Amino acid sequence: MKTILVADDEPTLVATLKYNLERESYAVVTAADGEAALAIARETRPDLIVLDLMMPGLNGLEVCRILRKEMQIPILMLTARDDETDKVAGLELGADDYVTKPFSMRELTARVRALLRRSEFAPPPEQDVMSTGDLIIDLPKRAVSRDGTHLPLKPKEFELLTFFARNPSRAFTREQLLNHIWGYDYAGDTRTVDVHVRWLRQKIEAEPDQPTRLITIRGVGYRFDG
C-alpha cells in the first residue's frame, strides 16, 4: 500500500482528502503545518506528498525546498491562488506538479496516480554515467557536472536532460516531451516544457540566449545536439 502525506492547515480539506485517498486504497498521514510536514515526511518516508503552499510556520515552498535536498519523493503542490509566480516557484524548488484550489477530487486523484506511476515504473537507466561534451550525467546519484562543476538541476530538469542525452540530434515536439517526462495523463500544458527548457539552458549553455546544445526547432519543438 502506498503512503501519502497530506499537509494542509484546513481541517475540512485534510479530512476530505484523507477520506477520498483512502477510498483509493492509499494509506494517508496528515500534517497541519510546515514543521509537522517535515517531521512526518522524515519519519514515514511517504511515497508522495500533497503539500499546501500557504501554511503557518514554514510555508509549502520552504518545506518543498528542504525536502527536495533530502529525498526524491514526488510532491504535488496545492495553491489557493491561480498565480503563475507561485506555480513557477514551486516547480523551480522541485515540486513535480500543482493543483489550484478549488479542485475536483477526480482531478487530484488522477494527478496522484500519475505521479506514483511515473515514480514506480520509471525505466532503469541504460548506463550509470553518461557524458556528452563537457557534461557528465551520473544517473544513480542524479547529479550533473559541467567541466567538473556541479550543476544544481531540479528533478524535472534532470529528467529532461537525461532524456535528451539518450536521444541526441533528434527533434521532439513539446507534446512528445510533455508525454515522456510528465506522463500521458499530465493535465498541464506545453508551456511547462518551455519553462523547463529555459531553466535548463541557463545551466548547460555558455550563452543561454544563443543556445548551441538545446536547440529550438521552429514549428516543431526542441533538439539536443550535445
Protein backbone atom coordinates (compact mmCIF):
# COMPACT_ATOMS: atom_id res chain seq x y z
CA MET A 1 0.00 0.00 0.00
CA LYS A 2 1.34 3.41 -0.98
CA THR A 3 1.53 6.07 1.74
CA ILE A 4 0.61 9.69 1.03
CA LEU A 5 1.36 12.65 3.30
CA VAL A 6 -1.28 15.39 3.12
CA ALA A 7 -0.01 18.70 4.56
CA ASP A 8 -2.59 21.50 4.80
CA ASP A 9 -3.88 23.78 7.55
CA GLU A 10 -7.55 23.48 6.50
CA PRO A 11 -9.01 20.63 8.64
CA THR A 12 -12.05 20.14 6.41
CA LEU A 13 -9.94 19.83 3.28
CA VAL A 14 -7.49 17.47 5.00
CA ALA A 15 -10.37 15.26 6.13
CA THR A 16 -11.83 15.25 2.62
CA LEU A 17 -8.50 14.40 1.00
CA LYS A 18 -7.82 11.67 3.57
CA TYR A 19 -11.24 10.10 3.04
CA ASN A 20 -11.03 10.11 -0.75
CA LEU A 21 -7.43 8.92 -0.95
CA GLU A 22 -8.13 6.10 1.49
CA ARG A 23 -11.03 5.08 -0.75
CA GLU A 24 -8.42 4.72 -3.49
CA SER A 25 -6.57 2.27 -1.20
CA TYR A 26 -3.78 4.64 -0.13
CA ALA A 27 -2.55 4.95 3.45
CA VAL A 28 -2.75 8.62 4.46
CA VAL A 29 -0.83 10.56 7.12
CA THR A 30 -1.52 14.24 7.73
CA ALA A 31 0.16 17.43 8.94
CA ALA A 32 -1.35 20.83 9.73
CA ASP A 33 1.78 22.99 9.37
CA GLY A 34 5.19 23.05 7.73
CA GLU A 35 7.21 21.86 10.71
CA ALA A 36 4.95 18.86 11.21
CA ALA A 37 5.09 18.08 7.49
CA LEU A 38 8.89 17.94 7.62
CA ALA A 39 8.94 15.75 10.72
CA ILE A 40 6.37 13.28 9.40
CA ALA A 41 8.00 13.10 5.95
CA ARG A 42 11.36 12.30 7.53
CA GLU A 43 9.82 9.69 9.83
CA THR A 44 7.48 7.89 7.43
CA ARG A 45 9.19 8.44 4.05
CA PRO A 46 5.85 8.55 2.22
CA ASP A 47 5.52 7.61 -1.44
CA LEU A 48 4.02 11.03 -2.31
CA ILE A 49 3.39 14.36 -0.59
CA VAL A 50 0.37 16.61 -1.19
CA LEU A 51 1.69 19.96 0.07
CA ASP A 52 -0.24 23.20 0.56
CA LEU A 53 1.59 26.35 -0.49
CA MET A 54 0.28 28.58 2.32
CA MET A 55 0.68 27.07 5.80
CA PRO A 56 1.53 28.56 9.21
CA GLY A 57 5.18 28.48 10.22
CA LEU A 58 7.16 27.11 7.31
CA ASN A 59 5.20 27.61 4.10
CA GLY A 60 4.92 24.97 1.42
CA LEU A 61 7.67 26.43 -0.73
CA GLU A 62 10.17 26.27 2.14
CA VAL A 63 9.10 22.74 3.04
CA CYS A 64 9.49 21.71 -0.60
CA ARG A 65 12.96 23.26 -0.77
CA ILE A 66 14.13 21.41 2.36
CA LEU A 67 12.60 18.07 1.42
CA ARG A 68 14.00 18.13 -2.08
CA LYS A 69 17.52 18.26 -0.65
CA GLU A 70 16.81 15.14 1.42
CA MET A 71 14.61 12.89 -0.72
CA GLN A 72 13.21 12.44 -4.22
CA ILE A 73 9.60 11.76 -3.21
CA PRO A 74 7.02 13.15 -5.70
CA ILE A 75 5.50 16.41 -4.45
CA LEU A 76 2.08 17.68 -5.56
CA MET A 77 1.69 21.35 -4.59
CA LEU A 78 -1.66 22.89 -3.68
CA THR A 79 -2.13 26.63 -4.19
CA ALA A 80 -5.17 28.77 -3.42
CA ARG A 81 -4.14 31.40 -5.96
CA ASP A 82 -4.11 30.96 -9.70
CA ASP A 83 -0.82 32.86 -9.75
CA GLU A 84 1.82 31.81 -12.26
CA THR A 85 4.55 33.13 -9.95
CA ASP A 86 3.55 30.67 -7.21
CA LYS A 87 3.41 27.77 -9.66
CA VAL A 88 6.78 28.57 -11.21
CA ALA A 89 8.33 28.99 -7.76
CA GLY A 90 7.02 25.59 -6.70
CA LEU A 91 8.28 23.87 -9.84
CA GLU A 92 11.64 25.62 -9.54
CA LEU A 93 12.06 24.32 -5.99
CA GLY A 94 11.37 20.76 -7.09
CA ALA A 95 7.59 20.21 -6.97
CA ASP A 96 6.50 17.69 -9.59
CA ASP A 97 3.01 19.06 -10.22
CA TYR A 98 0.48 21.53 -8.82
CA VAL A 99 -3.30 21.88 -8.40
CA THR A 100 -5.08 25.20 -7.92
CA LYS A 101 -7.85 25.40 -5.32
CA PRO A 102 -10.71 24.80 -5.67
CA PHE A 103 -10.17 21.49 -7.45
CA SER A 104 -12.14 18.33 -8.01
CA MET A 105 -11.16 15.16 -6.18
CA ARG A 106 -11.24 13.38 -9.51
CA GLU A 107 -8.52 15.70 -10.84
CA LEU A 108 -6.39 15.41 -7.72
CA THR A 109 -6.55 11.61 -7.53
CA ALA A 110 -5.71 11.39 -11.24
CA ARG A 111 -2.60 13.50 -10.69
CA VAL A 112 -1.64 11.43 -7.64
CA ARG A 113 -1.95 8.21 -9.64
CA ALA A 114 0.11 9.69 -12.48
CA LEU A 115 2.92 10.81 -10.18
CA LEU A 116 3.06 7.49 -8.36
CA ARG A 117 3.01 5.55 -11.61
CA ARG A 118 5.89 7.55 -13.06
CA SER A 119 7.99 7.14 -9.93
CA GLU A 120 7.31 3.41 -9.68
CA PHE A 121 7.69 2.43 -13.32
CA ALA A 122 10.49 4.73 -14.38
CA PRO A 123 12.66 2.76 -16.82
CA PRO A 124 16.02 1.63 -15.45
CA PRO A 125 19.00 3.58 -16.77
CA GLU A 126 20.86 2.05 -19.64
CA GLN A 127 24.16 3.01 -18.03
CA ASP A 128 25.26 4.55 -14.75
CA VAL A 129 27.13 7.54 -16.17
CA MET A 130 26.64 9.35 -19.47
CA SER A 131 28.88 12.00 -20.97
CA THR A 132 28.07 14.47 -23.71
CA GLY A 133 30.67 17.09 -24.46
CA ASP A 134 31.72 18.62 -21.14
CA LEU A 135 28.58 17.38 -19.38
CA ILE A 136 28.71 14.32 -17.11
CA ILE A 137 25.37 12.81 -16.05
CA ASP A 138 25.57 10.46 -13.06
CA LEU A 139 22.27 8.58 -13.11
CA PRO A 140 22.40 6.74 -9.74
CA LYS A 141 23.35 9.97 -7.95
CA ARG A 142 21.03 12.10 -10.14
CA ALA A 143 23.92 14.54 -10.45
CA VAL A 144 25.19 16.57 -13.39
CA SER A 145 28.51 18.36 -13.74
CA ARG A 146 29.97 20.61 -16.41
CA ASP A 147 33.74 20.89 -16.70
CA GLY A 148 33.92 19.37 -13.22
CA THR A 149 31.49 21.89 -11.69
CA HIS A 150 28.28 20.53 -10.16
CA LEU A 151 25.05 21.82 -11.75
CA PRO A 152 22.12 22.11 -9.29
CA LEU A 153 19.35 20.73 -11.52
CA LYS A 154 15.75 20.42 -10.39
CA PRO A 155 14.19 16.93 -10.71
CA LYS A 156 12.37 17.61 -13.98
CA GLU A 157 15.40 19.43 -15.42
CA PHE A 158 17.47 16.32 -14.70
CA GLU A 159 14.89 14.03 -16.33
CA LEU A 160 14.64 16.31 -19.35
CA LEU A 161 18.42 16.48 -19.82
CA THR A 162 18.75 12.71 -19.40
CA PHE A 163 16.04 12.10 -21.99
CA PHE A 164 17.73 14.45 -24.47
CA ALA A 165 21.14 12.90 -23.82
CA ARG A 166 19.73 9.48 -24.62
CA ASN A 167 18.21 10.82 -27.85
CA PRO A 168 20.77 13.24 -29.33
CA SER A 169 20.21 15.05 -32.63
CA ARG A 170 16.54 14.12 -32.70
CA ALA A 171 13.78 16.72 -32.72
CA PHE A 172 10.88 16.32 -30.31
CA THR A 173 7.63 18.24 -30.19
CA ARG A 174 6.56 19.86 -26.95
CA GLU A 175 3.73 17.34 -26.71
CA GLN A 176 6.17 14.43 -27.04
CA LEU A 177 8.41 15.88 -24.32
CA LEU A 178 5.41 16.51 -22.08
CA ASN A 179 4.31 12.90 -22.51
CA HIS A 180 7.77 11.40 -21.98
CA ILE A 181 8.75 13.48 -18.94
CA TRP A 182 5.46 14.38 -17.25
CA GLY A 183 3.30 11.45 -18.41
CA TYR A 184 0.44 10.93 -20.81
CA ASP A 185 -2.23 11.94 -18.29
CA TYR A 186 -0.47 15.11 -17.13
CA ALA A 187 -3.11 17.86 -17.04
CA GLY A 188 -0.77 20.81 -17.63
CA ASP A 189 0.04 22.44 -20.96
CA THR A 190 3.10 22.65 -23.20
CA ARG A 191 4.28 25.90 -21.62
CA THR A 192 5.63 23.71 -18.82
CA VAL A 193 8.13 22.30 -21.33
CA ASP A 194 9.23 25.77 -22.44
CA VAL A 195 9.78 26.87 -18.82
CA HIS A 196 11.96 23.85 -18.04
CA VAL A 197 13.93 24.18 -21.27
CA ARG A 198 14.65 27.82 -20.38
CA TRP A 199 15.83 26.83 -16.89
CA LEU A 200 17.97 24.01 -18.30
CA ARG A 201 19.62 26.29 -20.85
CA GLN A 202 20.65 28.68 -18.09
CA LYS A 203 22.69 25.86 -16.57
CA ILE A 204 24.14 23.93 -19.51
CA GLU A 205 24.64 26.62 -22.14
CA ALA A 206 27.60 29.02 -22.26
CA GLU A 207 25.22 31.66 -23.66
CA PRO A 208 21.61 30.73 -22.78
CA ASP A 209 20.19 33.35 -25.16
CA GLN A 210 22.16 31.81 -28.03
CA PRO A 211 21.98 28.08 -27.28
CA THR A 212 24.22 25.65 -29.13
CA ARG A 213 23.14 22.49 -27.29
CA LEU A 214 19.42 22.69 -26.68
CA ILE A 215 18.14 24.00 -29.99
CA THR A 216 14.66 25.35 -30.76
CA ILE A 217 13.24 23.87 -33.97
CA ARG A 218 10.76 26.44 -35.24
CA GLY A 219 7.30 24.97 -35.68
CA VAL A 220 8.34 21.66 -34.10
CA GLY A 221 9.94 21.79 -30.64
CA TYR A 222 13.48 21.11 -29.43
CA ARG A 223 16.60 19.14 -30.36
CA PHE A 224 19.65 18.31 -28.25
CA ASP A 225 22.98 18.48 -30.04
CA GLY A 226 25.18 17.51 -27.09
